[in-house]
């Protein structure tokens, strides 16, 4: 009698993106509530600085090359219901929180920089 493999849990981020974000989060720490407020107002909320904004902007501002992937990730985060932020690793939680809570990020980030 064969045992069925447990179904693999859906993942929010593509594996290479998840790995890159995980590395990024090990090197950087952010006050997420302050970052979300900054990204929603366009005004740096302490302890967030322009340096923080410059570090995260490549993650969220699409280039011509990755525009479709970034938009797909954003859409996936906005409609995500598989599991909550408390079950996510740091990288997933970071990306999810920004996409979910900062609807105008494409407009605000370039203005903030």
PDB file of N, CA and C in Angstrom:
ATOM      1  N   UNK A   1       0.843  -1.194   0.000  1.00  0.00           N
ATOM      2  CA  UNK A   1       0.000   0.000   0.000  1.00  0.00           C
ATOM      3  C   UNK A   1       0.882   1.248   0.000  1.00  0.00           C
ATOM      4  N   UNK A   2       0.696   2.072  -1.023  1.00  0.00           N
ATOM      5  CA  UNK A   2       1.505   3.294  -1.134  1.00  0.00           C
ATOM      6  C   UNK A   2       0.896   4.416  -0.317  1.00  0.00           C
ATOM      7  N   UNK A   3       1.776   5.163   0.324  1.00  0.00           N
ATOM      8  CA  UNK A   3       1.293   6.358   1.027  1.00  0.00           C
ATOM      9  C   UNK A   3       1.338   7.526   0.048  1.00  0.00           C
ATOM     10  N   UNK A   4       0.286   8.304   0.051  1.00  0.00           N
ATOM     11  CA  UNK A   4       0.279   9.479  -0.826  1.00  0.00           C
ATOM     12  C   UNK A   4       1.121  10.571  -0.194  1.00  0.00           C
ATOM     13  N   UNK A   5       1.853  11.254  -1.028  1.00  0.00           N
ATOM     14  CA  UNK A   5       2.651  12.378  -0.534  1.00  0.00           C
ATOM     15  C   UNK A   5       1.692  13.482  -0.096  1.00  0.00           C
ATOM     16  N   UNK A   6       2.062  14.136   0.977  1.00  0.00           N
ATOM     17  CA  UNK A   6       1.229  15.247   1.447  1.00  0.00           C
ATOM     18  C   UNK A   6       1.211  16.317   0.367  1.00  0.00           C
ATOM     19  N   UNK A   7       0.061  16.911   0.129  1.00  0.00           N
ATOM     20  CA  UNK A   7       0.032  17.961  -0.897  1.00  0.00           C
ATOM     21  C   UNK A   7       0.956  19.109  -0.495  1.00  0.00           C
ATOM     22  N   UNK A   8       1.681  19.597  -1.471  1.00  0.00           N
ATOM     23  CA  UNK A   8       2.612  20.678  -1.182  1.00  0.00           C
ATOM     24  C   UNK A   8       1.838  21.964  -0.926  1.00  0.00           C
ATOM     25  N   UNK A   9       2.231  22.646   0.119  1.00  0.00           N
ATOM     26  CA  UNK A   9       1.574  23.888   0.487  1.00  0.00           C
ATOM     27  C   UNK A   9       1.829  24.924  -0.593  1.00  0.00           C
ATOM     28  N   UNK A  10       0.801  25.656  -0.981  1.00  0.00           N
ATOM     29  CA  UNK A  10       1.019  26.701  -1.978  1.00  0.00           C
ATOM     30  C   UNK A  10       1.978  27.763  -1.428  1.00  0.00           C
ATOM     31  N   UNK A  11       2.748  28.343  -2.310  1.00  0.00           N
ATOM     32  CA  UNK A  11       3.679  29.375  -1.867  1.00  0.00           C
ATOM     33  C   UNK A  11       3.298  30.701  -2.507  1.00  0.00           C
ATOM     34  N   UNK A  12       3.519  31.733  -1.763  1.00  0.00           N
ATOM     35  CA  UNK A  12       3.174  33.069  -2.209  1.00  0.00           C
ATOM     36  C   UNK A  12       4.165  33.582  -3.252  1.00  0.00           C
ATOM     37  N   UNK A  13       5.447  33.329  -3.020  1.00  0.00           N
ATOM     38  CA  UNK A  13       6.490  33.856  -3.901  1.00  0.00           C
ATOM     39  C   UNK A  13       7.108  32.735  -4.728  1.00  0.00           C
ATOM     40  N   UNK A  14       7.576  33.084  -5.917  1.00  0.00           N
ATOM     41  CA  UNK A  14       8.319  32.126  -6.738  1.00  0.00           C
ATOM     42  C   UNK A  14       9.585  31.746  -5.964  1.00  0.00           C
ATOM     43  N   UNK A  15      10.074  30.490  -6.110  1.00  0.00           N
ATOM     44  CA  UNK A  15      11.221  30.038  -5.298  1.00  0.00           C
ATOM     45  C   UNK A  15      12.457  30.939  -5.375  1.00  0.00           C
ATOM     46  N   UNK A  16      12.840  31.391  -6.573  1.00  0.00           N
ATOM     47  CA  UNK A  16      14.038  32.238  -6.674  1.00  0.00           C
ATOM     48  C   UNK A  16      13.787  33.600  -6.024  1.00  0.00           C
ATOM     49  N   UNK A  17      12.607  34.121  -6.175  1.00  0.00           N
ATOM     50  CA  UNK A  17      12.239  35.401  -5.555  1.00  0.00           C
ATOM     51  C   UNK A  17      12.221  35.239  -4.033  1.00  0.00           C
ATOM     52  N   UNK A  18      11.644  34.156  -3.546  1.00  0.00           N
ATOM     53  CA  UNK A  18      11.581  33.905  -2.101  1.00  0.00           C
ATOM     54  C   UNK A  18      12.986  33.849  -1.506  1.00  0.00           C
ATOM     55  N   UNK A  19      13.897  33.171  -2.217  1.00  0.00           N
ATOM     56  CA  UNK A  19      15.274  33.051  -1.728  1.00  0.00           C
ATOM     57  C   UNK A  19      15.957  34.429  -1.702  1.00  0.00           C
ATOM     58  N   UNK A  20      15.791  35.199  -2.761  1.00  0.00           N
ATOM     59  CA  UNK A  20      16.411  36.528  -2.820  1.00  0.00           C
ATOM     60  C   UNK A  20      15.861  37.451  -1.739  1.00  0.00           C
ATOM     61  N   UNK A  21      14.558  37.412  -1.525  1.00  0.00           N
ATOM     62  CA  UNK A  21      13.941  38.271  -0.507  1.00  0.00           C
ATOM     63  C   UNK A  21      14.395  37.824   0.880  1.00  0.00           C
ATOM     64  N   UNK A  22      14.513  36.511   1.075  1.00  0.00           N
ATOM     65  CA  UNK A  22      14.967  35.987   2.358  1.00  0.00           C
ATOM     66  C   UNK A  22      16.373  36.502   2.683  1.00  0.00           C
ATOM     67  N   UNK A  23      17.256  36.468   1.696  1.00  0.00           N
ATOM     68  CA  UNK A  23      18.620  36.985   1.870  1.00  0.00           C
ATOM     69  C   UNK A  23      18.573  38.488   2.164  1.00  0.00           C
ATOM     70  N   UNK A  24      17.752  39.204   1.402  1.00  0.00           N
ATOM     71  CA  UNK A  24      17.592  40.649   1.594  1.00  0.00           C
ATOM     72  C   UNK A  24      17.132  40.952   3.030  1.00  0.00           C
ATOM     73  N   UNK A  25      16.180  40.168   3.532  1.00  0.00           N
ATOM     74  CA  UNK A  25      15.641  40.412   4.873  1.00  0.00           C
ATOM     75  C   UNK A  25      16.649  40.071   5.966  1.00  0.00           C
ATOM     76  N   UNK A  26      17.576  39.155   5.688  1.00  0.00           N
ATOM     77  CA  UNK A  26      18.619  38.844   6.673  1.00  0.00           C
ATOM     78  C   UNK A  26      19.593  40.010   6.788  1.00  0.00           C
ATOM     79  N   UNK A  27      19.760  40.748   5.699  1.00  0.00           N
ATOM     80  CA  UNK A  27      20.717  41.863   5.681  1.00  0.00           C
ATOM     81  C   UNK A  27      20.096  43.187   6.090  1.00  0.00           C
ATOM     82  N   UNK A  28      18.778  43.260   6.050  1.00  0.00           N
ATOM     83  CA  UNK A  28      18.080  44.520   6.318  1.00  0.00           C
ATOM     84  C   UNK A  28      16.918  44.265   7.270  1.00  0.00           C
ATOM     85  N   UNK A  29      16.661  45.236   8.122  1.00  0.00           N
ATOM     86  CA  UNK A  29      15.457  45.098   8.938  1.00  0.00           C
ATOM     87  C   UNK A  29      14.673  46.398   8.812  1.00  0.00           C
ATOM     88  N   UNK A  30      13.380  46.262   8.833  1.00  0.00           N
ATOM     89  CA  UNK A  30      12.505  47.403   8.634  1.00  0.00           C
ATOM     90  C   UNK A  30      11.426  47.413   9.695  1.00  0.00           C
ATOM     91  N   UNK A  31      11.059  48.585  10.106  1.00  0.00           N
ATOM     92  CA  UNK A  31       9.878  48.765  10.941  1.00  0.00           C
ATOM     93  C   UNK A  31       8.706  48.740   9.959  1.00  0.00           C
ATOM     94  N   UNK A  32       8.042  47.579   9.867  1.00  0.00           N
ATOM     95  CA  UNK A  32       7.025  47.388   8.826  1.00  0.00           C
ATOM     96  C   UNK A  32       5.870  48.395   8.949  1.00  0.00           C
ATOM     97  N   UNK A  33       5.298  48.613  10.144  1.00  0.00           N
ATOM     98  CA  UNK A  33       4.221  49.618  10.219  1.00  0.00           C
ATOM     99  C   UNK A  33       4.671  51.009   9.747  1.00  0.00           C
ATOM    100  N   UNK A  34       5.883  51.408  10.109  1.00  0.00           N
ATOM    101  CA  UNK A  34       6.394  52.716   9.676  1.00  0.00           C
ATOM    102  C   UNK A  34       6.640  52.721   8.168  1.00  0.00           C
ATOM    103  N   UNK A  35       7.114  51.605   7.643  1.00  0.00           N
ATOM    104  CA  UNK A  35       7.353  51.499   6.203  1.00  0.00           C
ATOM    105  C   UNK A  35       6.035  51.597   5.439  1.00  0.00           C
ATOM    106  N   UNK A  36       5.015  50.890   5.927  1.00  0.00           N
ATOM    107  CA  UNK A  36       3.703  50.939   5.280  1.00  0.00           C
ATOM    108  C   UNK A  36       3.153  52.365   5.305  1.00  0.00           C
ATOM    109  N   UNK A  37       3.290  53.034   6.448  1.00  0.00           N
ATOM    110  CA  UNK A  37       2.814  54.428   6.530  1.00  0.00           C
ATOM    111  C   UNK A  37       3.588  55.313   5.554  1.00  0.00           C
ATOM    112  N   UNK A  38       4.892  55.120   5.479  1.00  0.00           N
ATOM    113  CA  UNK A  38       5.720  55.882   4.542  1.00  0.00           C
ATOM    114  C   UNK A  38       5.253  55.663   3.106  1.00  0.00           C
ATOM    115  N   UNK A  39       4.999  54.402   2.764  1.00  0.00           N
ATOM    116  CA  UNK A  39       4.608  54.074   1.390  1.00  0.00           C
ATOM    117  C   UNK A  39       3.176  54.497   1.062  1.00  0.00           C
ATOM    118  N   UNK A  40       2.398  54.789   2.079  1.00  0.00           N
ATOM    119  CA  UNK A  40       1.033  55.260   1.834  1.00  0.00           C
ATOM    120  C   UNK A  40       0.920  56.776   1.849  1.00  0.00           C
ATOM    121  N   UNK A  41       1.917  57.447   2.427  1.00  0.00           N
ATOM    122  CA  UNK A  41       1.844  58.906   2.515  1.00  0.00           C
ATOM    123  C   UNK A  41       2.882  59.608   1.650  1.00  0.00           C
ATOM    124  N   UNK A  42       3.968  58.897   1.326  1.00  0.00           N
ATOM    125  CA  UNK A  42       5.047  59.527   0.572  1.00  0.00           C
ATOM    126  C   UNK A  42       5.972  60.344   1.452  1.00  0.00           C
ATOM    127  N   UNK A  43       5.759  60.290   2.761  1.00  0.00           N
ATOM    128  CA  UNK A  43       6.592  61.012   3.720  1.00  0.00           C
ATOM    129  C   UNK A  43       7.246  59.991   4.641  1.00  0.00           C
ATOM    130  N   UNK A  44       8.563  60.083   4.784  1.00  0.00           N
ATOM    131  CA  UNK A  44       9.270  59.119   5.629  1.00  0.00           C
ATOM    132  C   UNK A  44       8.797  59.214   7.076  1.00  0.00           C
ATOM    133  N   UNK A  45       8.365  58.080   7.599  1.00  0.00           N
ATOM    134  CA  UNK A  45       7.911  57.975   8.986  1.00  0.00           C
ATOM    135  C   UNK A  45       9.048  57.307   9.752  1.00  0.00           C
ATOM    136  N   UNK A  46       9.581  57.997  10.762  1.00  0.00           N
ATOM    137  CA  UNK A  46      10.691  57.441  11.546  1.00  0.00           C
ATOM    138  C   UNK A  46      10.312  56.066  12.074  1.00  0.00           C
ATOM    139  N   UNK A  47      11.243  55.113  12.055  1.00  0.00           N
ATOM    140  CA  UNK A  47      12.670  55.215  11.724  1.00  0.00           C
ATOM    141  C   UNK A  47      12.996  54.998  10.242  1.00  0.00           C
ATOM    142  N   UNK A  48      12.008  55.026   9.363  1.00  0.00           N
ATOM    143  CA  UNK A  48      12.260  54.815   7.935  1.00  0.00           C
ATOM    144  C   UNK A  48      12.952  56.040   7.344  1.00  0.00           C
ATOM    145  N   UNK A  49      13.991  55.777   6.532  1.00  0.00           N
ATOM    146  CA  UNK A  49      14.744  56.853   5.882  1.00  0.00           C
ATOM    147  C   UNK A  49      14.698  56.641   4.369  1.00  0.00           C
ATOM    148  N   UNK A  50      15.183  57.612   3.635  1.00  0.00           N
ATOM    149  CA  UNK A  50      15.268  57.462   2.180  1.00  0.00           C
ATOM    150  C   UNK A  50      16.164  56.284   1.805  1.00  0.00           C
ATOM    151  N   UNK A  51      17.155  56.005   2.631  1.00  0.00           N
ATOM    152  CA  UNK A  51      18.023  54.852   2.391  1.00  0.00           C
ATOM    153  C   UNK A  51      17.202  53.559   2.374  1.00  0.00           C
ATOM    154  N   UNK A  52      16.270  53.408   3.302  1.00  0.00           N
ATOM    155  CA  UNK A  52      15.391  52.231   3.326  1.00  0.00           C
ATOM    156  C   UNK A  52      14.567  52.165   2.041  1.00  0.00           C
ATOM    157  N   UNK A  53      14.027  53.306   1.630  1.00  0.00           N
ATOM    158  CA  UNK A  53      13.177  53.356   0.437  1.00  0.00           C
ATOM    159  C   UNK A  53      13.992  52.968  -0.801  1.00  0.00           C
ATOM    160  N   UNK A  54      15.225  53.473  -0.875  1.00  0.00           N
ATOM    161  CA  UNK A  54      16.085  53.121  -2.009  1.00  0.00           C
ATOM    162  C   UNK A  54      16.393  51.622  -2.022  1.00  0.00           C
ATOM    163  N   UNK A  55      16.550  51.028  -0.840  1.00  0.00           N
ATOM    164  CA  UNK A  55      16.838  49.591  -0.768  1.00  0.00           C
ATOM    165  C   UNK A  55      15.660  48.752  -1.241  1.00  0.00           C
ATOM    166  N   UNK A  56      14.444  49.144  -0.881  1.00  0.00           N
ATOM    167  CA  UNK A  56      13.295  48.299  -1.229  1.00  0.00           C
ATOM    168  C   UNK A  56      12.749  48.573  -2.623  1.00  0.00           C
ATOM    169  N   UNK A  57      13.020  49.751  -3.181  1.00  0.00           N
ATOM    170  CA  UNK A  57      12.377  50.086  -4.453  1.00  0.00           C
ATOM    171  C   UNK A  57      12.630  49.074  -5.575  1.00  0.00           C
ATOM    172  N   UNK A  58      13.841  48.491  -5.711  1.00  0.00           N
ATOM    173  CA  UNK A  58      14.007  47.504  -6.786  1.00  0.00           C
ATOM    174  C   UNK A  58      13.116  46.262  -6.605  1.00  0.00           C
ATOM    175  N   UNK A  59      12.697  45.994  -5.381  1.00  0.00           N
ATOM    176  CA  UNK A  59      11.841  44.831  -5.124  1.00  0.00           C
ATOM    177  C   UNK A  59      10.428  45.076  -5.662  1.00  0.00           C
ATOM    178  N   UNK A  60       9.980  46.318  -5.574  1.00  0.00           N
ATOM    179  CA  UNK A  60       8.575  46.612  -5.868  1.00  0.00           C
ATOM    180  C   UNK A  60       8.326  47.425  -7.128  1.00  0.00           C
ATOM    181  N   UNK A  61       9.343  48.083  -7.639  1.00  0.00           N
ATOM    182  CA  UNK A  61       9.157  48.873  -8.859  1.00  0.00           C
ATOM    183  C   UNK A  61       9.558  48.017 -10.051  1.00  0.00           C
ATOM    184  N   UNK A  62       8.609  47.730 -10.923  1.00  0.00           N
ATOM    185  CA  UNK A  62       8.919  46.836 -12.044  1.00  0.00           C
ATOM    186  C   UNK A  62       9.817  47.488 -13.087  1.00  0.00           C
ATOM    187  N   UNK A  63      10.660  46.647 -13.676  1.00  0.00           N
ATOM    188  CA  UNK A  63      11.435  47.072 -14.842  1.00  0.00           C
ATOM    189  C   UNK A  63      10.700  46.528 -16.054  1.00  0.00           C
ATOM    190  N   UNK A  64      11.128  46.900 -17.223  1.00  0.00           N
ATOM    191  CA  UNK A  64      10.503  46.377 -18.446  1.00  0.00           C
ATOM    192  C   UNK A  64      10.600  44.846 -18.457  1.00  0.00           C
ATOM    193  N   UNK A  65      11.737  44.341 -17.960  1.00  0.00           N
ATOM    194  CA  UNK A  65      12.018  42.902 -17.995  1.00  0.00           C
ATOM    195  C   UNK A  65      11.137  42.095 -17.029  1.00  0.00           C
ATOM    196  N   UNK A  66      10.873  42.646 -15.835  1.00  0.00           N
ATOM    197  CA  UNK A  66      10.158  41.847 -14.830  1.00  0.00           C
ATOM    198  C   UNK A  66       8.747  42.352 -14.532  1.00  0.00           C
ATOM    199  N   UNK A  67       8.249  43.260 -15.371  1.00  0.00           N
ATOM    200  CA  UNK A  67       6.946  43.890 -15.126  1.00  0.00           C
ATOM    201  C   UNK A  67       5.829  42.869 -14.938  1.00  0.00           C
ATOM    202  N   UNK A  68       5.753  41.873 -15.805  1.00  0.00           N
ATOM    203  CA  UNK A  68       4.676  40.881 -15.717  1.00  0.00           C
ATOM    204  C   UNK A  68       4.769  40.065 -14.428  1.00  0.00           C
ATOM    205  N   UNK A  69       5.995  39.679 -14.056  1.00  0.00           N
ATOM    206  CA  UNK A  69       6.193  38.914 -12.817  1.00  0.00           C
ATOM    207  C   UNK A  69       5.802  39.735 -11.595  1.00  0.00           C
ATOM    208  N   UNK A  70       6.227  40.993 -11.569  1.00  0.00           N
ATOM    209  CA  UNK A  70       5.921  41.865 -10.425  1.00  0.00           C
ATOM    210  C   UNK A  70       4.411  42.074 -10.306  1.00  0.00           C
ATOM    211  N   UNK A  71       3.762  42.344 -11.425  1.00  0.00           N
ATOM    212  CA  UNK A  71       2.313  42.548 -11.388  1.00  0.00           C
ATOM    213  C   UNK A  71       1.575  41.279 -10.972  1.00  0.00           C
ATOM    214  N   UNK A  72       2.043  40.122 -11.433  1.00  0.00           N
ATOM    215  CA  UNK A  72       1.423  38.849 -11.053  1.00  0.00           C
ATOM    216  C   UNK A  72       1.606  38.600  -9.553  1.00  0.00           C
ATOM    217  N   UNK A  73       2.794  38.898  -9.048  1.00  0.00           N
ATOM    218  CA  UNK A  73       3.058  38.724  -7.616  1.00  0.00           C
ATOM    219  C   UNK A  73       2.157  39.645  -6.800  1.00  0.00           C
ATOM    220  N   UNK A  74       2.039  40.887  -7.241  1.00  0.00           N
ATOM    221  CA  UNK A  74       1.194  41.855  -6.544  1.00  0.00           C
ATOM    222  C   UNK A  74      -0.259  41.375  -6.504  1.00  0.00           C
ATOM    223  N   UNK A  75      -0.770  40.940  -7.652  1.00  0.00           N
ATOM    224  CA  UNK A  75      -2.147  40.448  -7.720  1.00  0.00           C
ATOM    225  C   UNK A  75      -2.345  39.234  -6.807  1.00  0.00           C
ATOM    226  N   UNK A  76      -1.356  38.354  -6.798  1.00  0.00           N
ATOM    227  CA  UNK A  76      -1.433  37.155  -5.965  1.00  0.00           C
ATOM    228  C   UNK A  76      -1.472  37.531  -4.483  1.00  0.00           C
ATOM    229  N   UNK A  77      -0.637  38.494  -4.087  1.00  0.00           N
ATOM    230  CA  UNK A  77      -0.610  38.926  -2.682  1.00  0.00           C
ATOM    231  C   UNK A  77      -1.938  39.579  -2.279  1.00  0.00           C
ATOM    232  N   UNK A  78      -2.470  40.406  -3.155  1.00  0.00           N
ATOM    233  CA  UNK A  78      -3.702  41.125  -2.839  1.00  0.00           C
ATOM    234  C   UNK A  78      -4.868  40.151  -2.624  1.00  0.00           C
ATOM    235  N   UNK A  79      -4.878  39.064  -3.386  1.00  0.00           N
ATOM    236  CA  UNK A  79      -5.998  38.126  -3.271  1.00  0.00           C
ATOM    237  C   UNK A  79      -5.660  36.867  -2.453  1.00  0.00           C
ATOM    238  N   UNK A  80      -4.514  36.845  -1.804  1.00  0.00           N
ATOM    239  CA  UNK A  80      -4.026  35.662  -1.084  1.00  0.00           C
ATOM    240  C   UNK A  80      -4.920  35.323   0.108  1.00  0.00           C
ATOM    241  N   UNK A  81      -5.326  34.043   0.193  1.00  0.00           N
ATOM    242  CA  UNK A  81      -6.137  33.580   1.330  1.00  0.00           C
ATOM    243  C   UNK A  81      -5.674  32.225   1.855  1.00  0.00           C
ATOM    244  N   UNK A  82      -4.602  31.672   1.285  1.00  0.00           N
ATOM    245  CA  UNK A  82      -4.164  30.315   1.637  1.00  0.00           C
ATOM    246  C   UNK A  82      -3.766  30.179   3.110  1.00  0.00           C
ATOM    247  N   UNK A  83      -3.004  31.116   3.605  1.00  0.00           N
ATOM    248  CA  UNK A  83      -2.591  31.116   5.009  1.00  0.00           C
ATOM    249  C   UNK A  83      -2.224  32.544   5.381  1.00  0.00           C
ATOM    250  N   UNK A  84      -2.193  32.787   6.672  1.00  0.00           N
ATOM    251  CA  UNK A  84      -1.986  34.151   7.160  1.00  0.00           C
ATOM    252  C   UNK A  84      -0.539  34.545   7.297  1.00  0.00           C
ATOM    253  N   UNK A  85      -0.347  35.825   7.529  1.00  0.00           N
ATOM    254  CA  UNK A  85       0.994  36.402   7.633  1.00  0.00           C
ATOM    255  C   UNK A  85       1.778  35.764   8.788  1.00  0.00           C
ATOM    256  N   UNK A  86       1.073  35.305   9.819  1.00  0.00           N
ATOM    257  CA  UNK A  86       1.749  34.670  10.958  1.00  0.00           C
ATOM    258  C   UNK A  86       2.376  33.326  10.592  1.00  0.00           C
ATOM    259  N   UNK A  87       1.970  32.742   9.469  1.00  0.00           N
ATOM    260  CA  UNK A  87       2.549  31.471   9.017  1.00  0.00           C
ATOM    261  C   UNK A  87       3.611  31.674   7.935  1.00  0.00           C
ATOM    262  N   UNK A  88       3.875  32.910   7.574  1.00  0.00           N
ATOM    263  CA  UNK A  88       4.838  33.204   6.507  1.00  0.00           C
ATOM    264  C   UNK A  88       6.229  33.404   7.095  1.00  0.00           C
ATOM    265  N   UNK A  89       7.248  33.137   6.263  1.00  0.00           N
ATOM    266  CA  UNK A  89       8.600  33.482   6.704  1.00  0.00           C
ATOM    267  C   UNK A  89       8.765  35.001   6.544  1.00  0.00           C
ATOM    268  N   UNK A  90       9.880  35.515   7.014  1.00  0.00           N
ATOM    269  CA  UNK A  90      10.096  36.966   6.996  1.00  0.00           C
ATOM    270  C   UNK A  90       9.959  37.588   5.614  1.00  0.00           C
ATOM    271  N   UNK A  91      10.539  36.927   4.626  1.00  0.00           N
ATOM    272  CA  UNK A  91      10.508  37.471   3.268  1.00  0.00           C
ATOM    273  C   UNK A  91       9.105  37.516   2.706  1.00  0.00           C
ATOM    274  N   UNK A  92       8.391  36.416   2.850  1.00  0.00           N
ATOM    275  CA  UNK A  92       7.004  36.362   2.376  1.00  0.00           C
ATOM    276  C   UNK A  92       6.152  37.409   3.083  1.00  0.00           C
ATOM    277  N   UNK A  93       6.294  37.478   4.389  1.00  0.00           N
ATOM    278  CA  UNK A  93       5.495  38.425   5.182  1.00  0.00           C
ATOM    279  C   UNK A  93       5.793  39.867   4.760  1.00  0.00           C
ATOM    280  N   UNK A  94       7.064  40.151   4.501  1.00  0.00           N
ATOM    281  CA  UNK A  94       7.467  41.487   4.084  1.00  0.00           C
ATOM    282  C   UNK A  94       6.800  41.868   2.758  1.00  0.00           C
ATOM    283  N   UNK A  95       6.983  41.022   1.748  1.00  0.00           N
ATOM    284  CA  UNK A  95       6.430  41.301   0.418  1.00  0.00           C
ATOM    285  C   UNK A  95       4.906  41.363   0.476  1.00  0.00           C
ATOM    286  N   UNK A  96       4.315  40.391   1.152  1.00  0.00           N
ATOM    287  CA  UNK A  96       2.851  40.345   1.281  1.00  0.00           C
ATOM    288  C   UNK A  96       2.318  41.624   1.947  1.00  0.00           C
ATOM    289  N   UNK A  97       2.948  42.021   3.048  1.00  0.00           N
ATOM    290  CA  UNK A  97       2.482  43.196   3.800  1.00  0.00           C
ATOM    291  C   UNK A  97       2.546  44.467   2.961  1.00  0.00           C
ATOM    292  N   UNK A  98       3.610  44.621   2.194  1.00  0.00           N
ATOM    293  CA  UNK A  98       3.741  45.816   1.364  1.00  0.00           C
ATOM    294  C   UNK A  98       2.691  45.822   0.257  1.00  0.00           C
ATOM    295  N   UNK A  99       2.590  44.711  -0.492  1.00  0.00           N
ATOM    296  CA  UNK A  99       1.612  44.673  -1.581  1.00  0.00           C
ATOM    297  C   UNK A  99       0.187  44.835  -1.049  1.00  0.00           C
ATOM    298  N   UNK A 100      -0.114  44.172   0.058  1.00  0.00           N
ATOM    299  CA  UNK A 100      -1.480  44.157   0.592  1.00  0.00           C
ATOM    300  C   UNK A 100      -1.876  45.517   1.167  1.00  0.00           C
ATOM    301  N   UNK A 101      -0.931  46.201   1.783  1.00  0.00           N
ATOM    302  CA  UNK A 101      -1.255  47.423   2.535  1.00  0.00           C
ATOM    303  C   UNK A 101      -0.886  48.726   1.850  1.00  0.00           C
ATOM    304  N   UNK A 102      -0.223  48.646   0.708  1.00  0.00           N
ATOM    305  CA  UNK A 102       0.230  49.861   0.028  1.00  0.00           C
ATOM    306  C   UNK A 102      -0.273  49.860  -1.417  1.00  0.00           C
ATOM    307  N   UNK A 103      -1.561  50.118  -1.608  1.00  0.00           N
ATOM    308  CA  UNK A 103      -2.143  50.002  -2.948  1.00  0.00           C
ATOM    309  C   UNK A 103      -1.568  50.979  -3.972  1.00  0.00           C
ATOM    310  N   UNK A 104      -1.018  52.089  -3.518  1.00  0.00           N
ATOM    311  CA  UNK A 104      -0.495  53.096  -4.453  1.00  0.00           C
ATOM    312  C   UNK A 104       1.022  53.102  -4.524  1.00  0.00           C
ATOM    313  N   UNK A 105       1.634  51.971  -4.213  1.00  0.00           N
ATOM    314  CA  UNK A 105       3.095  51.917  -4.151  1.00  0.00           C
ATOM    315  C   UNK A 105       3.764  52.317  -5.455  1.00  0.00           C
ATOM    316  N   UNK A 106       3.167  51.965  -6.617  1.00  0.00           N
ATOM    317  CA  UNK A 106       3.785  52.317  -7.895  1.00  0.00           C
ATOM    318  C   UNK A 106       3.846  53.821  -8.088  1.00  0.00           C
ATOM    319  N   UNK A 107       2.911  54.537  -7.498  1.00  0.00           N
ATOM    320  CA  UNK A 107       2.880  55.997  -7.602  1.00  0.00           C
ATOM    321  C   UNK A 107       3.749  56.637  -6.523  1.00  0.00           C
ATOM    322  N   UNK A 108       3.627  56.127  -5.307  1.00  0.00           N
ATOM    323  CA  UNK A 108       4.287  56.743  -4.153  1.00  0.00           C
ATOM    324  C   UNK A 108       5.804  56.534  -4.152  1.00  0.00           C
ATOM    325  N   UNK A 109       6.252  55.315  -4.450  1.00  0.00           N
ATOM    326  CA  UNK A 109       7.708  55.042  -4.365  1.00  0.00           C
ATOM    327  C   UNK A 109       8.519  56.007  -5.218  1.00  0.00           C
ATOM    328  N   UNK A 110       8.202  56.189  -6.507  1.00  0.00           N
ATOM    329  CA  UNK A 110       9.010  57.112  -7.285  1.00  0.00           C
ATOM    330  C   UNK A 110       8.952  58.557  -6.763  1.00  0.00           C
ATOM    331  N   UNK A 111       7.824  58.943  -6.181  1.00  0.00           N
ATOM    332  CA  UNK A 111       7.705  60.295  -5.641  1.00  0.00           C
ATOM    333  C   UNK A 111       8.537  60.476  -4.387  1.00  0.00           C
ATOM    334  N   UNK A 112       8.688  59.385  -3.608  1.00  0.00           N
ATOM    335  CA  UNK A 112       9.412  59.445  -2.352  1.00  0.00           C
ATOM    336  C   UNK A 112      10.918  59.520  -2.590  1.00  0.00           C
ATOM    337  N   UNK A 113      11.358  58.899  -3.679  1.00  0.00           N
ATOM    338  CA  UNK A 113      12.808  58.864  -3.969  1.00  0.00           C
ATOM    339  C   UNK A 113      13.313  60.185  -4.509  1.00  0.00           C
TER     340      UNK A 113
END
